Amino acid sequence: MKIAYIGLDLFYPALKKLHSLGIEIVEIFTCDVDNVCEFNIEITGFAKENNIPLQTARITREDIGRLIDKGCEWAICGGYYFKIPHDTALPIVN
């Protein structure tokens, strides 16, 4: 299974668990944060360590299309500040 992960460090254990189950993480999206009150240090480190593309800019329709083109089956959201564009071809679970 291929998924995209959208989130902050608060839900980092969920990302680790998905990865440990053999689920392919095709891209990771997070927000720019201050790393004082909200964090993305673990998420960004995980992306780098596992050579997973990381984006901190706001998700666009083009990003969703790219995920679909990569065969992404789901997007899992664990904390994100912006509305995510919806496409019925890519289910998103919050």
PDB file of N, CA and C in Angstrom:
ATOM      1  N   MET A   1       0.842  -1.174   0.000  1.00  0.00           N
ATOM      2  CA  MET A   1       0.000   0.000   0.000  1.00  0.00           C
ATOM      3  C   MET A   1       0.884   1.233   0.000  1.00  0.00           C
ATOM      4  N   LYS A   2       0.481   2.252  -0.742  1.00  0.00           N
ATOM      5  CA  LYS A   2       1.205   3.520  -0.801  1.00  0.00           C
ATOM      6  C   LYS A   2       0.341   4.620  -0.196  1.00  0.00           C
ATOM      7  N   ILE A   3       0.958   5.396   0.696  1.00  0.00           N
ATOM      8  CA  ILE A   3       0.228   6.503   1.319  1.00  0.00           C
ATOM      9  C   ILE A   3       1.081   7.764   1.327  1.00  0.00           C
ATOM     10  N   ALA A   4       0.415   8.878   1.539  1.00  0.00           N
ATOM     11  CA  ALA A   4       1.081  10.141   1.862  1.00  0.00           C
ATOM     12  C   ALA A   4       0.754  10.427   3.318  1.00  0.00           C
ATOM     13  N   TYR A   5       1.716  10.999   4.036  1.00  0.00           N
ATOM     14  CA  TYR A   5       1.493  11.356   5.434  1.00  0.00           C
ATOM     15  C   TYR A   5       1.519  12.873   5.552  1.00  0.00           C
ATOM     16  N   ILE A   6       0.512  13.403   6.206  1.00  0.00           N
ATOM     17  CA  ILE A   6       0.382  14.848   6.389  1.00  0.00           C
ATOM     18  C   ILE A   6       0.297  15.090   7.887  1.00  0.00           C
ATOM     19  N   GLY A   7       1.277  15.797   8.461  1.00  0.00           N
ATOM     20  CA  GLY A   7       1.150  15.992   9.891  1.00  0.00           C
ATOM     21  C   GLY A   7       2.311  16.654  10.588  1.00  0.00           C
ATOM     22  N   LEU A   8       2.181  16.690  11.903  1.00  0.00           N
ATOM     23  CA  LEU A   8       3.154  17.280  12.811  1.00  0.00           C
ATOM     24  C   LEU A   8       3.700  16.197  13.736  1.00  0.00           C
ATOM     25  N   ASP A   9       4.666  16.534  14.548  1.00  0.00           N
ATOM     26  CA  ASP A   9       5.289  15.567  15.450  1.00  0.00           C
ATOM     27  C   ASP A   9       4.322  14.982  16.478  1.00  0.00           C
ATOM     28  N   LEU A  10       3.238  15.671  16.802  1.00  0.00           N
ATOM     29  CA  LEU A  10       2.281  15.161  17.777  1.00  0.00           C
ATOM     30  C   LEU A  10       1.829  13.748  17.419  1.00  0.00           C
ATOM     31  N   PHE A  11       1.693  13.461  16.118  1.00  0.00           N
ATOM     32  CA  PHE A  11       1.236  12.154  15.665  1.00  0.00           C
ATOM     33  C   PHE A  11       2.354  11.348  15.002  1.00  0.00           C
ATOM     34  N   TYR A  12       3.600  11.701  15.294  1.00  0.00           N
ATOM     35  CA  TYR A  12       4.741  10.973  14.744  1.00  0.00           C
ATOM     36  C   TYR A  12       4.688   9.465  15.019  1.00  0.00           C
ATOM     37  N   PRO A  13       4.233   9.027  16.210  1.00  0.00           N
ATOM     38  CA  PRO A  13       4.145   7.577  16.435  1.00  0.00           C
ATOM     39  C   PRO A  13       3.269   6.862  15.393  1.00  0.00           C
ATOM     40  N   ALA A  14       2.252   7.528  14.893  1.00  0.00           N
ATOM     41  CA  ALA A  14       1.403   6.920  13.854  1.00  0.00           C
ATOM     42  C   ALA A  14       2.203   6.718  12.570  1.00  0.00           C
ATOM     43  N   LEU A  15       3.014   7.692  12.200  1.00  0.00           N
ATOM     44  CA  LEU A  15       3.852   7.570  11.003  1.00  0.00           C
ATOM     45  C   LEU A  15       4.831   6.407  11.168  1.00  0.00           C
ATOM     46  N   LYS A  16       5.477   6.321  12.313  1.00  0.00           N
ATOM     47  CA  LYS A  16       6.417   5.228  12.566  1.00  0.00           C
ATOM     48  C   LYS A  16       5.728   3.871  12.481  1.00  0.00           C
ATOM     49  N   LYS A  17       4.529   3.774  13.030  1.00  0.00           N
ATOM     50  CA  LYS A  17       3.788   2.512  13.016  1.00  0.00           C
ATOM     51  C   LYS A  17       3.419   2.123  11.584  1.00  0.00           C
ATOM     52  N   LEU A  18       2.933   3.063  10.799  1.00  0.00           N
ATOM     53  CA  LEU A  18       2.596   2.779   9.397  1.00  0.00           C
ATOM     54  C   LEU A  18       3.819   2.254   8.658  1.00  0.00           C
ATOM     55  N   HIS A  19       4.934   2.918   8.858  1.00  0.00           N
ATOM     56  CA  HIS A  19       6.177   2.516   8.199  1.00  0.00           C
ATOM     57  C   HIS A  19       6.608   1.120   8.652  1.00  0.00           C
ATOM     58  N   SER A  20       6.490   0.839   9.944  1.00  0.00           N
ATOM     59  CA  SER A  20       6.899  -0.468  10.474  1.00  0.00           C
ATOM     60  C   SER A  20       6.030  -1.605   9.946  1.00  0.00           C
ATOM     61  N   LEU A  21       4.824  -1.278   9.506  1.00  0.00           N
ATOM     62  CA  LEU A  21       3.920  -2.285   8.944  1.00  0.00           C
ATOM     63  C   LEU A  21       4.208  -2.557   7.469  1.00  0.00           C
ATOM     64  N   GLY A  22       5.219  -1.866   6.925  1.00  0.00           N
ATOM     65  CA  GLY A  22       5.595  -2.083   5.533  1.00  0.00           C
ATOM     66  C   GLY A  22       4.823  -1.224   4.548  1.00  0.00           C
ATOM     67  N   ILE A  23       4.100  -0.253   5.053  1.00  0.00           N
ATOM     68  CA  ILE A  23       3.362   0.656   4.173  1.00  0.00           C
ATOM     69  C   ILE A  23       4.355   1.649   3.583  1.00  0.00           C
ATOM     70  N   GLU A  24       4.284   1.835   2.273  1.00  0.00           N
ATOM     71  CA  GLU A  24       5.198   2.754   1.592  1.00  0.00           C
ATOM     72  C   GLU A  24       4.705   4.190   1.757  1.00  0.00           C
ATOM     73  N   ILE A  25       5.535   5.025   2.325  1.00  0.00           N
ATOM     74  CA  ILE A  25       5.223   6.448   2.487  1.00  0.00           C
ATOM     75  C   ILE A  25       5.817   7.152   1.266  1.00  0.00           C
ATOM     76  N   VAL A  26       4.964   7.619   0.337  1.00  0.00           N
ATOM     77  CA  VAL A  26       5.482   8.191  -0.907  1.00  0.00           C
ATOM     78  C   VAL A  26       5.902   9.648  -0.746  1.00  0.00           C
ATOM     79  N   GLU A  27       5.219  10.377   0.131  1.00  0.00           N
ATOM     80  CA  GLU A  27       5.584  11.763   0.426  1.00  0.00           C
ATOM     81  C   GLU A  27       5.101  12.111   1.814  1.00  0.00           C
ATOM     82  N   ILE A  28       5.779  13.079   2.419  1.00  0.00           N
ATOM     83  CA  ILE A  28       5.371  13.609   3.720  1.00  0.00           C
ATOM     84  C   ILE A  28       5.168  15.110   3.574  1.00  0.00           C
ATOM     85  N   PHE A  29       4.060  15.567   4.129  1.00  0.00           N
ATOM     86  CA  PHE A  29       3.738  16.992   4.141  1.00  0.00           C
ATOM     87  C   PHE A  29       3.634  17.444   5.591  1.00  0.00           C
ATOM     88  N   THR A  30       4.214  18.584   5.881  1.00  0.00           N
ATOM     89  CA  THR A  30       4.093  19.171   7.205  1.00  0.00           C
ATOM     90  C   THR A  30       3.977  20.680   7.043  1.00  0.00           C
ATOM     91  N   CYS A  31       3.801  21.371   8.139  1.00  0.00           N
ATOM     92  CA  CYS A  31       3.671  22.830   8.122  1.00  0.00           C
ATOM     93  C   CYS A  31       4.955  23.453   8.661  1.00  0.00           C
ATOM     94  N   ASP A  32       5.203  24.689   8.266  1.00  0.00           N
ATOM     95  CA  ASP A  32       6.251  25.455   8.930  1.00  0.00           C
ATOM     96  C   ASP A  32       5.760  25.759  10.338  1.00  0.00           C
ATOM     97  N   VAL A  33       6.567  25.419  11.325  1.00  0.00           N
ATOM     98  CA  VAL A  33       6.204  25.639  12.726  1.00  0.00           C
ATOM     99  C   VAL A  33       7.363  26.306  13.448  1.00  0.00           C
ATOM    100  N   ASP A  34       7.115  26.757  14.675  1.00  0.00           N
ATOM    101  CA  ASP A  34       8.164  27.438  15.431  1.00  0.00           C
ATOM    102  C   ASP A  34       9.072  26.466  16.199  1.00  0.00           C
ATOM    103  N   ASN A  35       8.707  25.202  16.280  1.00  0.00           N
ATOM    104  CA  ASN A  35       9.449  24.205  17.060  1.00  0.00           C
ATOM    105  C   ASN A  35       9.667  24.643  18.509  1.00  0.00           C
ATOM    106  N   VAL A  36       8.711  25.443  19.003  1.00  0.00           N
ATOM    107  CA  VAL A  36       8.659  25.823  20.409  1.00  0.00           C
ATOM    108  C   VAL A  36       7.328  25.334  20.984  1.00  0.00           C
ATOM    109  N   CYS A  37       6.231  25.688  20.295  1.00  0.00           N
ATOM    110  CA  CYS A  37       4.895  25.245  20.707  1.00  0.00           C
ATOM    111  C   CYS A  37       4.398  24.072  19.862  1.00  0.00           C
ATOM    112  N   GLU A  38       4.706  24.077  18.595  1.00  0.00           N
ATOM    113  CA  GLU A  38       4.368  23.003  17.655  1.00  0.00           C
ATOM    114  C   GLU A  38       5.665  22.530  17.027  1.00  0.00           C
ATOM    115  N   PHE A  39       5.738  21.234  16.738  1.00  0.00           N
ATOM    116  CA  PHE A  39       7.002  20.664  16.276  1.00  0.00           C
ATOM    117  C   PHE A  39       6.841  19.836  15.006  1.00  0.00           C
ATOM    118  N   ASN A  40       7.904  19.798  14.200  1.00  0.00           N
ATOM    119  CA  ASN A  40       7.980  18.883  13.066  1.00  0.00           C
ATOM    120  C   ASN A  40       9.400  18.323  12.911  1.00  0.00           C
ATOM    121  N   ILE A  41      10.163  18.369  13.976  1.00  0.00           N
ATOM    122  CA  ILE A  41      11.557  17.905  13.955  1.00  0.00           C
ATOM    123  C   ILE A  41      11.632  16.403  13.665  1.00  0.00           C
ATOM    124  N   GLU A  42      10.800  15.614  14.334  1.00  0.00           N
ATOM    125  CA  GLU A  42      10.833  14.165  14.115  1.00  0.00           C
ATOM    126  C   GLU A  42      10.330  13.806  12.718  1.00  0.00           C
ATOM    127  N   ILE A  43       9.282  14.482  12.282  1.00  0.00           N
ATOM    128  CA  ILE A  43       8.719  14.217  10.948  1.00  0.00           C
ATOM    129  C   ILE A  43       9.756  14.517   9.864  1.00  0.00           C
ATOM    130  N   THR A  44      10.401  15.669   9.958  1.00  0.00           N
ATOM    131  CA  THR A  44      11.388  16.031   8.935  1.00  0.00           C
ATOM    132  C   THR A  44      12.607  15.116   8.997  1.00  0.00           C
ATOM    133  N   GLY A  45      13.020  14.745  10.194  1.00  0.00           N
ATOM    134  CA  GLY A  45      14.137  13.811  10.334  1.00  0.00           C
ATOM    135  C   GLY A  45      13.807  12.448   9.750  1.00  0.00           C
ATOM    136  N   PHE A  46      12.595  11.983   9.970  1.00  0.00           N
ATOM    137  CA  PHE A  46      12.144  10.700   9.422  1.00  0.00           C
ATOM    138  C   PHE A  46      12.174  10.735   7.900  1.00  0.00           C
ATOM    139  N   ALA A  47      11.688  11.819   7.320  1.00  0.00           N
ATOM    140  CA  ALA A  47      11.685  11.954   5.855  1.00  0.00           C
ATOM    141  C   ALA A  47      13.114  11.890   5.316  1.00  0.00           C
ATOM    142  N   LYS A  48      14.008  12.629   5.935  1.00  0.00           N
ATOM    143  CA  LYS A  48      15.400  12.656   5.485  1.00  0.00           C
ATOM    144  C   LYS A  48      16.056  11.285   5.639  1.00  0.00           C
ATOM    145  N   GLU A  49      15.871  10.674   6.793  1.00  0.00           N
ATOM    146  CA  GLU A  49      16.479   9.374   7.085  1.00  0.00           C
ATOM    147  C   GLU A  49      16.012   8.285   6.113  1.00  0.00           C
ATOM    148  N   ASN A  50      14.764   8.397   5.664  1.00  0.00           N
ATOM    149  CA  ASN A  50      14.182   7.369   4.799  1.00  0.00           C
ATOM    150  C   ASN A  50      14.070   7.803   3.334  1.00  0.00           C
ATOM    151  N   ASN A  51      14.713   8.920   2.995  1.00  0.00           N
ATOM    152  CA  ASN A  51      14.701   9.437   1.614  1.00  0.00           C
ATOM    153  C   ASN A  51      13.290   9.591   1.056  1.00  0.00           C
ATOM    154  N   ILE A  52      12.401  10.150   1.871  1.00  0.00           N
ATOM    155  CA  ILE A  52      11.026  10.388   1.473  1.00  0.00           C
ATOM    156  C   ILE A  52      10.886  11.878   1.166  1.00  0.00           C
ATOM    157  N   PRO A  53      10.328  12.221   0.003  1.00  0.00           N
ATOM    158  CA  PRO A  53      10.129  13.645  -0.303  1.00  0.00           C
ATOM    159  C   PRO A  53       9.310  14.328   0.791  1.00  0.00           C
ATOM    160  N   LEU A  54       9.759  15.533   1.172  1.00  0.00           N
ATOM    161  CA  LEU A  54       9.120  16.306   2.237  1.00  0.00           C
ATOM    162  C   LEU A  54       8.735  17.666   1.691  1.00  0.00           C
ATOM    163  N   GLN A  55       7.536  18.097   2.027  1.00  0.00           N
ATOM    164  CA  GLN A  55       7.079  19.425   1.614  1.00  0.00           C
ATOM    165  C   GLN A  55       6.518  20.157   2.816  1.00  0.00           C
ATOM    166  N   THR A  56       6.975  21.396   3.022  1.00  0.00           N
ATOM    167  CA  THR A  56       6.427  22.219   4.097  1.00  0.00           C
ATOM    168  C   THR A  56       5.488  23.292   3.575  1.00  0.00           C
ATOM    169  N   ALA A  57       5.488  23.512   2.263  1.00  0.00           N
ATOM    170  CA  ALA A  57       4.561  24.480   1.665  1.00  0.00           C
ATOM    171  C   ALA A  57       3.148  23.902   1.688  1.00  0.00           C
ATOM    172  N   ARG A  58       2.181  24.775   1.653  1.00  0.00           N
ATOM    173  CA  ARG A  58       0.769  24.384   1.661  1.00  0.00           C
ATOM    174  C   ARG A  58       0.454  23.420   0.517  1.00  0.00           C
ATOM    175  N   ILE A  59      -0.316  22.384   0.790  1.00  0.00           N
ATOM    176  CA  ILE A  59      -0.679  21.383  -0.219  1.00  0.00           C
ATOM    177  C   ILE A  59      -1.617  22.000  -1.257  1.00  0.00           C
ATOM    178  N   THR A  60      -1.319  21.722  -2.529  1.00  0.00           N
ATOM    179  CA  THR A  60      -2.129  22.247  -3.640  1.00  0.00           C
ATOM    180  C   THR A  60      -2.815  21.096  -4.380  1.00  0.00           C
ATOM    181  N   ARG A  61      -3.713  21.440  -5.282  1.00  0.00           N
ATOM    182  CA  ARG A  61      -4.354  20.432  -6.144  1.00  0.00           C
ATOM    183  C   ARG A  61      -3.301  19.691  -6.978  1.00  0.00           C
ATOM    184  N   GLU A  62      -2.267  20.404  -7.393  1.00  0.00           N
ATOM    185  CA  GLU A  62      -1.197  19.779  -8.168  1.00  0.00           C
ATOM    186  C   GLU A  62      -0.488  18.704  -7.345  1.00  0.00           C
ATOM    187  N   ASP A  63      -0.295  18.975  -6.059  1.00  0.00           N
ATOM    188  CA  ASP A  63       0.318  17.986  -5.175  1.00  0.00           C
ATOM    189  C   ASP A  63      -0.554  16.734  -5.086  1.00  0.00           C
ATOM    190  N   ILE A  64      -1.849  16.923  -4.942  1.00  0.00           N
ATOM    191  CA  ILE A  64      -2.776  15.793  -4.880  1.00  0.00           C
ATOM    192  C   ILE A  64      -2.707  14.996  -6.187  1.00  0.00           C
ATOM    193  N   GLY A  65      -2.686  15.689  -7.319  1.00  0.00           N
ATOM    194  CA  GLY A  65      -2.566  15.012  -8.612  1.00  0.00           C
ATOM    195  C   GLY A  65      -1.278  14.217  -8.723  1.00  0.00           C
ATOM    196  N   ARG A  66      -0.179  14.768  -8.231  1.00  0.00           N
ATOM    197  CA  ARG A  66       1.106  14.076  -8.259  1.00  0.00           C
ATOM    198  C   ARG A  66       1.058  12.800  -7.417  1.00  0.00           C
ATOM    199  N   LEU A  67       0.416  12.892  -6.251  1.00  0.00           N
ATOM    200  CA  LEU A  67       0.276  11.711  -5.400  1.00  0.00           C
ATOM    201  C   LEU A  67      -0.516  10.616  -6.110  1.00  0.00           C
ATOM    202  N   ILE A  68      -1.587  11.004  -6.747  1.00  0.00           N
ATOM    203  CA  ILE A  68      -2.408  10.039  -7.489  1.00  0.00           C
ATOM    204  C   ILE A  68      -1.585   9.416  -8.605  1.00  0.00           C
ATOM    205  N   ASP A  69      -0.811  10.237  -9.326  1.00  0.00           N
ATOM    206  CA  ASP A  69       0.042   9.733 -10.407  1.00  0.00           C
ATOM    207  C   ASP A  69       1.090   8.746  -9.900  1.00  0.00           C
ATOM    208  N   LYS A  70       1.537   8.919  -8.644  1.00  0.00           N
ATOM    209  CA  LYS A  70       2.526   8.018  -8.044  1.00  0.00           C
ATOM    210  C   LYS A  70       1.899   6.719  -7.539  1.00  0.00           C
ATOM    211  N   GLY A  71       0.573   6.609  -7.659  1.00  0.00           N
ATOM    212  CA  GLY A  71      -0.111   5.412  -7.174  1.00  0.00           C
ATOM    213  C   GLY A  71      -0.474   5.459  -5.710  1.00  0.00           C
ATOM    214  N   CYS A  72      -0.442   6.642  -5.130  1.00  0.00           N
ATOM    215  CA  CYS A  72      -0.802   6.810  -3.725  1.00  0.00           C
ATOM    216  C   CYS A  72      -2.278   6.435  -3.552  1.00  0.00           C
ATOM    217  N   GLU A  73      -2.556   5.588  -2.561  1.00  0.00           N
ATOM    218  CA  GLU A  73      -3.910   5.087  -2.345  1.00  0.00           C
ATOM    219  C   GLU A  73      -4.674   5.833  -1.261  1.00  0.00           C
ATOM    220  N   TRP A  74      -3.949   6.405  -0.312  1.00  0.00           N
ATOM    221  CA  TRP A  74      -4.548   7.115   0.820  1.00  0.00           C
ATOM    222  C   TRP A  74      -3.640   8.259   1.237  1.00  0.00           C
ATOM    223  N   ALA A  75      -4.234   9.244   1.865  1.00  0.00           N
ATOM    224  CA  ALA A  75      -3.472  10.260   2.583  1.00  0.00           C
ATOM    225  C   ALA A  75      -3.933  10.184   4.033  1.00  0.00           C
ATOM    226  N   ILE A  76      -2.983  10.122   4.938  1.00  0.00           N
ATOM    227  CA  ILE A  76      -3.265  10.048   6.365  1.00  0.00           C
ATOM    228  C   ILE A  76      -2.861  11.385   6.972  1.00  0.00           C
ATOM    229  N   CYS A  77      -3.802  12.052   7.618  1.00  0.00           N
ATOM    230  CA  CYS A  77      -3.535  13.377   8.179  1.00  0.00           C
ATOM    231  C   CYS A  77      -3.504  13.307   9.695  1.00  0.00           C
ATOM    232  N   GLY A  78      -2.378  13.740  10.252  1.00  0.00           N
ATOM    233  CA  GLY A  78      -2.214  13.767  11.704  1.00  0.00           C
ATOM    234  C   GLY A  78      -1.809  15.149  12.162  1.00  0.00           C
ATOM    235  N   GLY A  79      -2.670  16.133  11.943  1.00  0.00           N
ATOM    236  CA  GLY A  79      -2.390  17.503  12.343  1.00  0.00           C
ATOM    237  C   GLY A  79      -1.849  18.307  11.183  1.00  0.00           C
ATOM    238  N   TYR A  80      -2.631  19.236  10.688  1.00  0.00           N
ATOM    239  CA  TYR A  80      -2.222  20.086   9.564  1.00  0.00           C
ATOM    240  C   TYR A  80      -3.014  21.371   9.656  1.00  0.00           C
ATOM    241  N   TYR A  81      -2.380  22.510   9.417  1.00  0.00           N
ATOM    242  CA  TYR A  81      -3.017  23.805   9.644  1.00  0.00           C
ATOM    243  C   TYR A  81      -3.935  24.288   8.533  1.00  0.00           C
ATOM    244  N   PHE A  82      -3.846  23.685   7.357  1.00  0.00           N
ATOM    245  CA  PHE A  82      -4.562  24.206   6.204  1.00  0.00           C
ATOM    246  C   PHE A  82      -5.563  23.208   5.657  1.00  0.00           C
ATOM    247  N   LYS A  83      -6.538  23.727   4.914  1.00  0.00           N
ATOM    248  CA  LYS A  83      -7.490  22.870   4.228  1.00  0.00           C
ATOM    249  C   LYS A  83      -6.748  22.130   3.111  1.00  0.00           C
ATOM    250  N   ILE A  84      -7.015  20.847   2.999  1.00  0.00           N
ATOM    251  CA  ILE A  84      -6.377  20.022   1.982  1.00  0.00           C
ATOM    252  C   ILE A  84      -7.335  19.900   0.804  1.00  0.00           C
ATOM    253  N   PRO A  85      -6.876  20.195  -0.415  1.00  0.00           N
ATOM    254  CA  PRO A  85      -7.755  20.044  -1.583  1.00  0.00           C
ATOM    255  C   PRO A  85      -8.264  18.604  -1.686  1.00  0.00           C
ATOM    256  N   HIS A  86      -9.517  18.459  -2.022  1.00  0.00           N
ATOM    257  CA  HIS A  86     -10.138  17.141  -2.059  1.00  0.00           C
ATOM    258  C   HIS A  86     -10.224  16.621  -3.494  1.00  0.00           C
ATOM    259  N   ASP A  87      -9.938  15.340  -3.644  1.00  0.00           N
ATOM    260  CA  ASP A  87     -10.097  14.646  -4.920  1.00  0.00           C
ATOM    261  C   ASP A  87     -10.599  13.251  -4.567  1.00  0.00           C
ATOM    262  N   THR A  88     -11.705  12.834  -5.151  1.00  0.00           N
ATOM    263  CA  THR A  88     -12.289  11.543  -4.813  1.00  0.00           C
ATOM    264  C   THR A  88     -11.365  10.373  -5.138  1.00  0.00           C
ATOM    265  N   ALA A  89     -10.364  10.583  -5.990  1.00  0.00           N
ATOM    266  CA  ALA A  89      -9.424   9.521  -6.325  1.00  0.00           C
ATOM    267  C   ALA A  89      -8.393   9.266  -5.218  1.00  0.00           C
ATOM    268  N   LEU A  90      -8.329  10.166  -4.242  1.00  0.00           N
ATOM    269  CA  LEU A  90      -7.392  10.010  -3.133  1.00  0.00           C
ATOM    270  C   LEU A  90      -8.127  10.222  -1.804  1.00  0.00           C
ATOM    271  N   PRO A  91      -8.563   9.135  -1.174  1.00  0.00           N
ATOM    272  CA  PRO A  91      -9.209   9.278   0.124  1.00  0.00           C
ATOM    273  C   PRO A  91      -8.232   9.834   1.166  1.00  0.00           C
ATOM    274  N   ILE A  92      -8.741  10.689   2.042  1.00  0.00           N
ATOM    275  CA  ILE A  92      -7.923  11.282   3.106  1.00  0.00           C
ATOM    276  C   ILE A  92      -8.577  10.974   4.446  1.00  0.00           C
ATOM    277  N   VAL A  93      -7.788  10.403   5.351  1.00  0.00           N
ATOM    278  CA  VAL A  93      -8.265  10.061   6.686  1.00  0.00           C
ATOM    279  C   VAL A  93      -7.601  11.002   7.676  1.00  0.00           C
ATOM    280  N   ASN A  94      -8.397  11.589   8.541  1.00  0.00           N
ATOM    281  CA  ASN A  94      -7.860  12.500   9.544  1.00  0.00           C
ATOM    282  C   ASN A  94      -7.721  11.767  10.861  1.00  0.00           C
TER     283      ASN A  94
END
